[in-house]
Amino acid sequence: MDEIFKQYGATIITVLAIIAVIGIMKLVIGSDTGSIVYKAFSDLIQGFYSSAGGGMPGA
């Protein structure tokens, strides 16, 4: 076991770090309408359209 960690220790740590980052991104971004990023983006778009007056000038 000690020999494995001597040879592959850095690789194992790198793989675990990548898996942790992917897990955190999945948690924050999510995959449905209840995620933090979806809500922020939706609020941004709704705020843009409400401040734009809901239409094009001269239309």
Protein backbone atom coordinates (compact mmCIF):
# COMPACT_ATOMS: atom_id res chain seq x y z
CA MET A 1 0.00 0.00 0.00
CA ASP A 2 2.86 2.35 0.86
CA GLU A 3 4.44 1.67 -2.53
CA ILE A 4 1.21 2.61 -4.32
CA PHE A 5 1.03 5.95 -2.52
CA LYS A 6 4.67 6.67 -3.27
CA GLN A 7 4.15 6.12 -7.00
CA TYR A 8 0.60 7.37 -7.50
CA GLY A 9 -0.01 9.71 -4.56
CA ALA A 10 0.02 12.93 -6.58
CA THR A 11 -2.24 11.43 -9.24
CA ILE A 12 -4.74 10.18 -6.66
CA ILE A 13 -4.87 13.61 -5.01
CA THR A 14 -5.36 15.31 -8.40
CA VAL A 15 -8.21 12.99 -9.35
CA LEU A 16 -9.93 13.52 -5.98
CA ALA A 17 -9.57 17.30 -6.33
CA ILE A 18 -11.11 17.23 -9.83
CA ILE A 19 -14.02 15.11 -8.58
CA ALA A 20 -14.56 17.55 -5.70
CA VAL A 21 -14.59 20.56 -8.04
CA ILE A 22 -17.09 18.86 -10.36
CA GLY A 23 -19.29 18.03 -7.38
CA ILE A 24 -19.23 21.62 -6.12
CA MET A 25 -20.04 22.97 -9.59
CA LYS A 26 -22.94 20.54 -9.93
CA LEU A 27 -24.24 21.62 -6.53
CA VAL A 28 -24.05 25.35 -7.31
CA ILE A 29 -25.15 25.27 -10.95
CA GLY A 30 -27.66 22.46 -10.62
CA SER A 31 -29.74 21.00 -13.39
CA ASP A 32 -33.22 22.37 -12.78
CA THR A 33 -35.05 25.66 -12.32
CA GLY A 34 -34.34 25.73 -8.59
CA SER A 35 -30.58 26.22 -8.91
CA ILE A 36 -28.79 29.37 -7.80
CA VAL A 37 -27.35 30.19 -11.23
CA TYR A 38 -30.66 29.62 -13.04
CA LYS A 39 -32.47 31.94 -10.62
CA ALA A 40 -29.83 34.68 -10.97
CA PHE A 41 -29.85 34.47 -14.77
CA SER A 42 -33.65 34.47 -14.90
CA ASP A 43 -33.81 37.55 -12.64
CA LEU A 44 -31.23 39.28 -14.83
CA ILE A 45 -33.20 38.66 -18.03
CA GLN A 46 -36.51 39.70 -16.42
CA GLY A 47 -34.91 42.88 -15.07
CA PHE A 48 -33.51 43.69 -18.50
CA TYR A 49 -36.86 43.31 -20.22
CA SER A 50 -38.72 45.32 -17.57
CA SER A 51 -36.22 48.19 -17.77
CA ALA A 52 -36.35 48.09 -21.57
CA GLY A 53 -40.07 48.84 -21.46
CA GLY A 54 -41.09 45.56 -22.94
CA GLY A 55 -40.71 46.54 -26.57
CA MET A 56 -38.69 48.14 -29.34
CA PRO A 57 -38.86 51.91 -29.90
CA GLY A 58 -40.91 52.86 -32.92
CA ALA A 59 -42.58 49.49 -33.15
